[in-house]
N, C-alpha and C. Protein backbone atom coordinates (compact mmCIF):
# COMPACT_ATOMS: atom_id res chain seq x y z
N MET A 1 0.82 -1.19 0.00
CA MET A 1 0.00 0.00 0.00
C MET A 1 0.86 1.25 0.00
N ASN A 2 2.00 1.20 0.72
CA ASN A 2 2.87 2.37 0.76
C ASN A 2 3.45 2.67 -0.61
N LYS A 3 3.80 1.62 -1.37
CA LYS A 3 4.28 1.84 -2.73
C LYS A 3 3.20 2.48 -3.57
N LEU A 4 1.95 2.06 -3.36
CA LEU A 4 0.85 2.64 -4.11
C LEU A 4 0.69 4.12 -3.79
N LEU A 5 0.84 4.48 -2.53
CA LEU A 5 0.75 5.90 -2.16
C LEU A 5 1.87 6.71 -2.80
N THR A 6 3.06 6.13 -2.82
CA THR A 6 4.19 6.82 -3.44
C THR A 6 3.91 7.07 -4.91
N ILE A 7 3.44 6.03 -5.59
CA ILE A 7 3.12 6.17 -7.00
C ILE A 7 2.07 7.24 -7.20
N CYS A 8 1.08 7.24 -6.32
CA CYS A 8 0.02 8.22 -6.40
C CYS A 8 0.56 9.65 -6.28
N PHE A 9 1.43 9.87 -5.29
CA PHE A 9 2.01 11.19 -5.10
C PHE A 9 2.82 11.63 -6.31
N VAL A 10 3.64 10.73 -6.85
CA VAL A 10 4.47 11.07 -8.00
C VAL A 10 3.61 11.37 -9.21
N THR A 11 2.64 10.51 -9.47
CA THR A 11 1.78 10.71 -10.62
C THR A 11 1.05 12.05 -10.52
N PHE A 12 0.52 12.34 -9.33
CA PHE A 12 -0.17 13.61 -9.16
C PHE A 12 0.77 14.78 -9.37
N SER A 13 1.99 14.69 -8.83
CA SER A 13 2.92 15.80 -8.96
C SER A 13 3.35 16.03 -10.41
N LEU A 14 3.36 14.96 -11.20
CA LEU A 14 3.72 15.11 -12.60
C LEU A 14 2.60 15.75 -13.42
N TYR A 15 1.38 15.71 -12.88
CA TYR A 15 0.24 16.17 -13.65
C TYR A 15 -0.50 17.34 -13.02
N THR A 16 0.17 18.18 -12.26
CA THR A 16 -0.48 19.39 -11.77
C THR A 16 -0.20 20.52 -12.75
N SER A 17 -1.01 21.58 -12.71
CA SER A 17 -0.95 22.54 -13.80
C SER A 17 -0.41 23.90 -13.41
N THR A 18 0.25 24.55 -14.41
CA THR A 18 0.63 25.95 -14.27
C THR A 18 0.60 26.68 -15.61
N SER A 19 1.05 26.04 -16.70
CA SER A 19 1.12 26.74 -17.98
C SER A 19 0.10 26.15 -18.95
N PHE A 20 -0.14 26.86 -20.09
CA PHE A 20 -1.18 26.40 -20.98
C PHE A 20 -0.91 26.86 -22.41
N ALA A 21 -1.12 25.96 -23.37
CA ALA A 21 -1.11 26.29 -24.79
C ALA A 21 -2.25 25.53 -25.41
N SER A 22 -3.14 26.23 -26.10
CA SER A 22 -4.36 25.58 -26.56
C SER A 22 -4.19 24.82 -27.87
N ASN A 23 -3.24 25.19 -28.71
CA ASN A 23 -3.09 24.39 -29.92
C ASN A 23 -1.62 24.04 -30.16
N TRP A 24 -1.44 23.00 -30.93
CA TRP A 24 -0.12 22.39 -31.12
C TRP A 24 0.90 23.41 -31.61
N ASP A 25 0.52 24.29 -32.51
CA ASP A 25 1.45 25.26 -33.10
C ASP A 25 1.97 26.27 -32.08
N LYS A 26 1.28 26.44 -30.97
CA LYS A 26 1.73 27.38 -29.94
C LYS A 26 2.77 26.78 -29.01
N LEU A 27 2.99 25.47 -29.09
CA LEU A 27 4.00 24.83 -28.25
C LEU A 27 5.40 25.12 -28.78
N THR A 28 6.37 25.14 -27.87
CA THR A 28 7.75 25.31 -28.30
C THR A 28 8.20 24.03 -29.02
N LYS A 29 9.30 24.13 -29.74
CA LYS A 29 9.84 22.95 -30.45
C LYS A 29 10.17 21.84 -29.47
N GLU A 30 10.73 22.19 -28.30
CA GLU A 30 11.07 21.20 -27.29
C GLU A 30 9.81 20.51 -26.78
N GLN A 31 8.77 21.29 -26.51
CA GLN A 31 7.51 20.71 -26.03
C GLN A 31 6.92 19.78 -27.09
N GLN A 32 6.94 20.23 -28.35
CA GLN A 32 6.42 19.40 -29.43
C GLN A 32 7.20 18.09 -29.55
N SER A 33 8.50 18.19 -29.38
CA SER A 33 9.33 16.99 -29.47
C SER A 33 8.98 15.98 -28.38
N LEU A 34 8.85 16.48 -27.17
CA LEU A 34 8.55 15.59 -26.05
C LEU A 34 7.11 15.08 -26.06
N LEU A 35 6.21 15.86 -26.63
CA LEU A 35 4.81 15.46 -26.67
C LEU A 35 4.41 14.88 -28.03
N ALA A 36 5.39 14.55 -28.86
CA ALA A 36 5.14 14.07 -30.22
C ALA A 36 4.06 12.97 -30.31
N PRO A 37 4.02 12.01 -29.39
CA PRO A 37 2.98 10.99 -29.51
C PRO A 37 1.55 11.55 -29.41
N LEU A 38 1.41 12.75 -28.90
CA LEU A 38 0.08 13.34 -28.73
C LEU A 38 -0.25 14.37 -29.82
N GLU A 39 0.64 14.54 -30.79
CA GLU A 39 0.46 15.60 -31.77
C GLU A 39 -0.90 15.56 -32.47
N LEU A 40 -1.30 14.40 -32.95
CA LEU A 40 -2.54 14.31 -33.72
C LEU A 40 -3.79 14.58 -32.89
N LYS A 41 -3.71 14.31 -31.60
CA LYS A 41 -4.92 14.54 -30.78
C LYS A 41 -4.78 15.71 -29.81
N TRP A 42 -3.65 16.44 -29.86
CA TRP A 42 -3.39 17.52 -28.91
C TRP A 42 -4.55 18.53 -28.86
N ASP A 43 -5.00 18.98 -30.03
CA ASP A 43 -6.02 20.02 -30.06
C ASP A 43 -7.36 19.55 -29.49
N SER A 44 -7.57 18.25 -29.41
CA SER A 44 -8.83 17.73 -28.87
C SER A 44 -8.71 17.37 -27.37
N ILE A 45 -7.53 17.49 -26.82
CA ILE A 45 -7.33 17.19 -25.40
C ILE A 45 -7.87 18.35 -24.57
N ASP A 46 -8.58 18.03 -23.51
CA ASP A 46 -9.13 19.02 -22.59
C ASP A 46 -8.04 20.00 -22.15
N SER A 47 -8.38 21.27 -22.03
CA SER A 47 -7.39 22.30 -21.69
C SER A 47 -6.72 22.04 -20.33
N ASN A 48 -7.48 21.52 -19.36
CA ASN A 48 -6.87 21.20 -18.06
C ASN A 48 -5.82 20.11 -18.21
N ARG A 49 -6.12 19.12 -19.02
CA ARG A 49 -5.16 18.02 -19.27
C ARG A 49 -3.92 18.57 -19.97
N GLN A 50 -4.12 19.47 -20.92
CA GLN A 50 -2.98 20.10 -21.60
C GLN A 50 -2.10 20.84 -20.58
N GLN A 51 -2.74 21.57 -19.69
CA GLN A 51 -1.99 22.29 -18.67
C GLN A 51 -1.18 21.31 -17.82
N ASN A 52 -1.81 20.24 -17.44
CA ASN A 52 -1.13 19.23 -16.61
C ASN A 52 0.07 18.63 -17.34
N LEU A 53 -0.10 18.32 -18.59
CA LEU A 53 1.00 17.74 -19.37
C LEU A 53 2.16 18.73 -19.53
N LEU A 54 1.83 19.97 -19.79
CA LEU A 54 2.88 20.98 -19.95
C LEU A 54 3.62 21.23 -18.64
N ASN A 55 2.89 21.24 -17.56
CA ASN A 55 3.55 21.40 -16.26
C ASN A 55 4.46 20.21 -15.97
N GLY A 56 3.99 19.02 -16.31
CA GLY A 56 4.83 17.83 -16.14
C GLY A 56 6.10 17.93 -16.95
N LEU A 57 6.00 18.47 -18.16
CA LEU A 57 7.20 18.66 -18.99
C LEU A 57 8.18 19.63 -18.35
N LYS A 58 7.63 20.68 -17.77
CA LYS A 58 8.48 21.68 -17.10
C LYS A 58 9.24 21.03 -15.95
N ARG A 59 8.53 20.24 -15.16
CA ARG A 59 9.18 19.54 -14.05
C ARG A 59 10.22 18.56 -14.57
N TRP A 60 9.86 17.85 -15.63
CA TRP A 60 10.76 16.86 -16.22
C TRP A 60 12.07 17.52 -16.65
N SER A 61 11.97 18.68 -17.28
CA SER A 61 13.18 19.34 -17.78
C SER A 61 14.08 19.83 -16.64
N ASN A 62 13.52 19.99 -15.44
CA ASN A 62 14.31 20.42 -14.29
C ASN A 62 14.86 19.26 -13.46
N MET A 63 14.53 18.03 -13.84
CA MET A 63 14.98 16.88 -13.07
C MET A 63 16.40 16.47 -13.45
N THR A 64 17.09 15.89 -12.46
CA THR A 64 18.39 15.28 -12.74
C THR A 64 18.15 13.96 -13.45
N ASP A 65 19.22 13.38 -14.01
CA ASP A 65 19.09 12.08 -14.67
C ASP A 65 18.57 11.02 -13.71
N GLU A 66 19.04 11.05 -12.48
CA GLU A 66 18.60 10.06 -11.49
C GLU A 66 17.11 10.24 -11.18
N GLN A 67 16.67 11.49 -11.06
CA GLN A 67 15.25 11.74 -10.80
C GLN A 67 14.39 11.28 -11.98
N LYS A 68 14.90 11.50 -13.19
CA LYS A 68 14.16 11.04 -14.38
C LYS A 68 14.06 9.52 -14.40
N LYS A 69 15.15 8.86 -14.04
CA LYS A 69 15.15 7.39 -14.00
C LYS A 69 14.11 6.90 -12.99
N THR A 70 14.08 7.52 -11.82
CA THR A 70 13.11 7.14 -10.79
C THR A 70 11.68 7.40 -11.27
N ALA A 71 11.46 8.56 -11.89
CA ALA A 71 10.12 8.90 -12.38
C ALA A 71 9.67 7.91 -13.46
N LYS A 72 10.58 7.53 -14.35
CA LYS A 72 10.23 6.56 -15.40
C LYS A 72 9.82 5.23 -14.77
N GLN A 73 10.58 4.79 -13.77
CA GLN A 73 10.27 3.52 -13.12
C GLN A 73 8.91 3.59 -12.41
N ARG A 74 8.67 4.70 -11.75
CA ARG A 74 7.38 4.84 -11.06
C ARG A 74 6.22 4.90 -12.05
N PHE A 75 6.46 5.53 -13.19
CA PHE A 75 5.41 5.59 -14.21
C PHE A 75 5.15 4.19 -14.77
N GLN A 76 6.22 3.42 -14.98
CA GLN A 76 6.05 2.03 -15.44
C GLN A 76 5.24 1.24 -14.41
N ASN A 77 5.56 1.43 -13.13
CA ASN A 77 4.79 0.76 -12.07
C ASN A 77 3.32 1.16 -12.13
N TRP A 78 3.09 2.45 -12.36
CA TRP A 78 1.72 2.97 -12.43
C TRP A 78 0.97 2.32 -13.60
N LYS A 79 1.62 2.26 -14.76
CA LYS A 79 0.98 1.68 -15.93
C LYS A 79 0.69 0.19 -15.74
N ALA A 80 1.51 -0.48 -14.92
CA ALA A 80 1.33 -1.90 -14.69
C ALA A 80 0.16 -2.21 -13.76
N LEU A 81 -0.33 -1.20 -13.06
CA LEU A 81 -1.46 -1.40 -12.14
C LEU A 81 -2.75 -1.59 -12.92
N SER A 82 -3.67 -2.31 -12.32
CA SER A 82 -4.99 -2.47 -12.94
C SER A 82 -5.75 -1.15 -12.82
N ALA A 83 -6.82 -1.05 -13.59
CA ALA A 83 -7.66 0.15 -13.53
C ALA A 83 -8.23 0.32 -12.11
N ASN A 84 -8.60 -0.79 -11.48
CA ASN A 84 -9.14 -0.73 -10.11
C ASN A 84 -8.08 -0.23 -9.13
N GLN A 85 -6.85 -0.68 -9.28
CA GLN A 85 -5.78 -0.23 -8.38
C GLN A 85 -5.52 1.26 -8.56
N ARG A 86 -5.46 1.70 -9.81
CA ARG A 86 -5.23 3.13 -10.06
C ARG A 86 -6.38 3.97 -9.50
N SER A 87 -7.60 3.46 -9.66
CA SER A 87 -8.76 4.18 -9.13
C SER A 87 -8.70 4.27 -7.60
N ALA A 88 -8.30 3.18 -6.97
CA ALA A 88 -8.18 3.17 -5.50
C ALA A 88 -7.12 4.19 -5.06
N ILE A 89 -6.02 4.25 -5.78
CA ILE A 89 -4.95 5.21 -5.44
C ILE A 89 -5.46 6.64 -5.60
N ARG A 90 -6.16 6.90 -6.68
CA ARG A 90 -6.71 8.24 -6.88
C ARG A 90 -7.67 8.61 -5.74
N ASN A 91 -8.51 7.64 -5.35
CA ASN A 91 -9.45 7.91 -4.25
C ASN A 91 -8.71 8.17 -2.94
N HIS A 92 -7.66 7.37 -2.66
CA HIS A 92 -6.88 7.58 -1.44
C HIS A 92 -6.22 8.96 -1.47
N PHE A 93 -5.70 9.33 -2.64
CA PHE A 93 -5.05 10.64 -2.73
C PHE A 93 -6.07 11.75 -2.51
N LYS A 94 -7.26 11.59 -3.09
CA LYS A 94 -8.31 12.60 -2.90
C LYS A 94 -8.66 12.73 -1.42
N GLN A 95 -8.80 11.59 -0.74
CA GLN A 95 -9.09 11.61 0.69
C GLN A 95 -7.95 12.28 1.46
N PHE A 96 -6.71 11.93 1.09
CA PHE A 96 -5.54 12.51 1.76
C PHE A 96 -5.53 14.02 1.60
N SER A 97 -5.81 14.51 0.36
CA SER A 97 -5.75 15.96 0.14
C SER A 97 -6.83 16.73 0.87
N GLN A 98 -7.88 16.03 1.28
CA GLN A 98 -8.95 16.69 2.02
C GLN A 98 -8.70 16.72 3.52
N LEU A 99 -7.65 16.05 3.98
CA LEU A 99 -7.32 16.05 5.40
C LEU A 99 -6.71 17.39 5.81
N ALA A 100 -6.80 17.69 7.07
CA ALA A 100 -6.14 18.90 7.61
C ALA A 100 -4.63 18.74 7.44
N PRO A 101 -3.92 19.84 7.21
CA PRO A 101 -2.47 19.77 7.01
C PRO A 101 -1.73 19.02 8.13
N GLU A 102 -2.18 19.19 9.38
CA GLU A 102 -1.52 18.51 10.50
C GLU A 102 -1.67 16.99 10.36
N LYS A 103 -2.85 16.56 9.95
CA LYS A 103 -3.11 15.13 9.78
C LYS A 103 -2.29 14.58 8.60
N GLN A 104 -2.19 15.36 7.53
CA GLN A 104 -1.36 14.96 6.39
C GLN A 104 0.09 14.78 6.83
N GLN A 105 0.58 15.74 7.61
CA GLN A 105 1.96 15.68 8.10
C GLN A 105 2.16 14.44 8.99
N GLN A 106 1.19 14.17 9.83
CA GLN A 106 1.26 13.02 10.73
C GLN A 106 1.33 11.72 9.92
N LEU A 107 0.48 11.60 8.92
CA LEU A 107 0.48 10.40 8.08
C LEU A 107 1.77 10.27 7.28
N TYR A 108 2.27 11.40 6.80
CA TYR A 108 3.51 11.37 6.02
C TYR A 108 4.69 10.95 6.90
N LYS A 109 4.73 11.42 8.13
CA LYS A 109 5.79 11.02 9.06
C LYS A 109 5.72 9.53 9.34
N ARG A 110 4.50 9.02 9.52
CA ARG A 110 4.32 7.58 9.76
C ARG A 110 4.77 6.78 8.54
N TYR A 111 4.44 7.29 7.37
CA TYR A 111 4.86 6.66 6.11
C TYR A 111 6.39 6.63 6.01
N GLN A 112 7.04 7.74 6.31
CA GLN A 112 8.50 7.81 6.28
C GLN A 112 9.11 6.85 7.30
N TRP A 113 8.54 6.79 8.49
CA TRP A 113 9.04 5.89 9.53
C TRP A 113 9.01 4.46 9.01
N PHE A 114 7.89 4.07 8.43
CA PHE A 114 7.74 2.71 7.93
C PHE A 114 8.75 2.44 6.81
N ASN A 115 8.89 3.36 5.88
CA ASN A 115 9.82 3.16 4.75
C ASN A 115 11.27 3.11 5.19
N ASN A 116 11.59 3.69 6.34
CA ASN A 116 12.97 3.66 6.83
C ASN A 116 13.28 2.39 7.61
N LEU A 117 12.28 1.58 7.85
CA LEU A 117 12.52 0.30 8.53
C LEU A 117 13.21 -0.66 7.56
N PRO A 118 13.97 -1.60 8.09
CA PRO A 118 14.55 -2.63 7.21
C PRO A 118 13.42 -3.41 6.51
N ALA A 119 13.69 -3.88 5.31
CA ALA A 119 12.68 -4.59 4.52
C ALA A 119 12.09 -5.77 5.30
N GLU A 120 12.92 -6.46 6.05
CA GLU A 120 12.45 -7.60 6.82
C GLU A 120 11.41 -7.17 7.87
N LYS A 121 11.68 -6.07 8.53
CA LYS A 121 10.75 -5.56 9.55
C LYS A 121 9.45 -5.10 8.90
N GLN A 122 9.55 -4.43 7.74
CA GLN A 122 8.35 -4.01 7.02
C GLN A 122 7.48 -5.22 6.68
N GLN A 123 8.12 -6.27 6.18
CA GLN A 123 7.38 -7.47 5.81
C GLN A 123 6.74 -8.12 7.03
N GLN A 124 7.45 -8.10 8.12
CA GLN A 124 6.94 -8.66 9.37
C GLN A 124 5.67 -7.92 9.80
N ILE A 125 5.71 -6.60 9.73
CA ILE A 125 4.56 -5.78 10.12
C ILE A 125 3.39 -6.04 9.16
N ARG A 126 3.67 -6.07 7.84
CA ARG A 126 2.61 -6.34 6.86
C ARG A 126 1.97 -7.70 7.12
N SER A 127 2.80 -8.71 7.34
CA SER A 127 2.29 -10.06 7.56
C SER A 127 1.42 -10.11 8.81
N ARG A 128 1.90 -9.47 9.85
CA ARG A 128 1.13 -9.44 11.10
C ARG A 128 -0.22 -8.76 10.89
N TRP A 129 -0.21 -7.61 10.22
CA TRP A 129 -1.45 -6.87 9.95
C TRP A 129 -2.40 -7.71 9.09
N ASN A 130 -1.87 -8.33 8.03
CA ASN A 130 -2.71 -9.11 7.12
C ASN A 130 -3.29 -10.36 7.78
N SER A 131 -2.65 -10.82 8.84
CA SER A 131 -3.14 -12.01 9.52
C SER A 131 -4.31 -11.70 10.47
N LEU A 132 -4.53 -10.41 10.73
CA LEU A 132 -5.61 -10.02 11.63
C LEU A 132 -6.96 -10.03 10.93
N SER A 133 -7.99 -10.31 11.69
CA SER A 133 -9.35 -10.21 11.15
C SER A 133 -9.73 -8.73 11.05
N THR A 134 -10.79 -8.46 10.33
CA THR A 134 -11.28 -7.08 10.21
C THR A 134 -11.62 -6.52 11.59
N GLN A 135 -12.21 -7.34 12.42
CA GLN A 135 -12.58 -6.89 13.77
C GLN A 135 -11.32 -6.56 14.58
N GLN A 136 -10.30 -7.39 14.49
CA GLN A 136 -9.05 -7.13 15.22
C GLN A 136 -8.39 -5.85 14.72
N LYS A 137 -8.43 -5.63 13.42
CA LYS A 137 -7.85 -4.40 12.86
C LYS A 137 -8.59 -3.18 13.39
N GLN A 138 -9.90 -3.25 13.42
CA GLN A 138 -10.71 -2.13 13.92
C GLN A 138 -10.41 -1.86 15.39
N GLN A 139 -10.23 -2.93 16.16
CA GLN A 139 -9.91 -2.77 17.59
C GLN A 139 -8.56 -2.07 17.76
N LEU A 140 -7.57 -2.45 16.96
CA LEU A 140 -6.26 -1.80 17.04
C LEU A 140 -6.34 -0.33 16.66
N ILE A 141 -7.11 -0.04 15.63
CA ILE A 141 -7.27 1.35 15.20
C ILE A 141 -7.93 2.16 16.31
N GLU A 142 -8.93 1.59 16.94
CA GLU A 142 -9.62 2.27 18.04
C GLU A 142 -8.68 2.50 19.22
N ARG A 143 -7.88 1.49 19.55
CA ARG A 143 -6.92 1.63 20.66
C ARG A 143 -5.91 2.73 20.35
N ARG A 144 -5.46 2.79 19.11
CA ARG A 144 -4.50 3.83 18.73
C ARG A 144 -5.13 5.22 18.90
N LYS A 145 -6.38 5.35 18.47
CA LYS A 145 -7.08 6.64 18.63
C LYS A 145 -7.17 7.02 20.11
N ASN A 146 -7.54 6.04 20.93
CA ASN A 146 -7.65 6.30 22.37
C ASN A 146 -6.29 6.69 22.96
N PHE A 147 -5.24 6.02 22.53
CA PHE A 147 -3.90 6.31 23.02
C PHE A 147 -3.49 7.73 22.64
N GLN A 148 -3.81 8.14 21.41
CA GLN A 148 -3.45 9.47 20.95
C GLN A 148 -4.18 10.57 21.71
N GLN A 149 -5.31 10.24 22.29
CA GLN A 149 -6.08 11.24 23.04
C GLN A 149 -5.56 11.42 24.47
N LEU A 150 -4.67 10.54 24.90
CA LEU A 150 -4.11 10.66 26.25
C LEU A 150 -3.10 11.81 26.30
N THR A 151 -2.93 12.37 27.47
CA THR A 151 -1.88 13.37 27.66
C THR A 151 -0.54 12.65 27.65
N PRO A 152 0.56 13.36 27.43
CA PRO A 152 1.88 12.71 27.46
C PRO A 152 2.14 11.98 28.78
N ALA A 153 1.72 12.56 29.90
CA ALA A 153 1.93 11.91 31.20
C ALA A 153 1.13 10.61 31.29
N GLN A 154 -0.11 10.64 30.78
CA GLN A 154 -0.94 9.44 30.80
C GLN A 154 -0.34 8.36 29.89
N ARG A 155 0.20 8.77 28.77
CA ARG A 155 0.83 7.80 27.86
C ARG A 155 2.02 7.13 28.53
N ARG A 156 2.87 7.95 29.19
CA ARG A 156 4.04 7.40 29.88
C ARG A 156 3.64 6.38 30.93
N ARG A 157 2.64 6.73 31.74
CA ARG A 157 2.17 5.81 32.79
C ARG A 157 1.66 4.50 32.18
N LEU A 158 0.87 4.63 31.13
CA LEU A 158 0.32 3.44 30.49
C LEU A 158 1.44 2.56 29.92
N LEU A 159 2.41 3.18 29.27
CA LEU A 159 3.54 2.41 28.70
C LEU A 159 4.35 1.74 29.79
N GLN A 160 4.54 2.45 30.91
CA GLN A 160 5.25 1.85 32.03
C GLN A 160 4.50 0.64 32.58
N GLN A 161 3.18 0.77 32.70
CA GLN A 161 2.37 -0.33 33.19
C GLN A 161 2.48 -1.53 32.25
N LEU A 162 2.43 -1.26 30.95
CA LEU A 162 2.52 -2.36 29.98
C LEU A 162 3.89 -3.03 30.01
N ASN A 163 4.92 -2.24 30.21
CA ASN A 163 6.28 -2.80 30.26
C ASN A 163 6.52 -3.61 31.54
N ASN A 164 5.79 -3.30 32.61
CA ASN A 164 5.94 -4.02 33.87
C ASN A 164 5.23 -5.36 33.85
N HIS A 165 4.39 -5.59 32.87
CA HIS A 165 3.63 -6.86 32.84
C HIS A 165 4.31 -7.87 32.02
């Protein structure tokens, strides 16, 4: 799921908009060269989509070779996903963007923490989570919410109690 979120973020960032050209002849030679596969249908592409593609080109031209290599790989991963998987990612991204900035930051930090774990530990956590029933997962989520509502002093006491058992 974390890989899917990463792909979602990259795909979205490649397709956000800033510049616009409504017909093929208004594009620069460089833009035309990079967008050559779209030449015949460019004028029929929705203006928002055109803006997104042009912005993606701008970002692409500012990337290092290593960043381009990573972006190509992520795009290949994206194309390899089923339509249902891509739709789920889009929905998750939409939900994420509607969260308060503090909640987004919290989730992003948790995501970074998980990605910085050794692969073996990540797999261990995934396996453990996947082995739980839906009811057990819901109970853990509820416990986490309750824990987050505690004051720091209450959290420390609770953790001490758990460690003493």
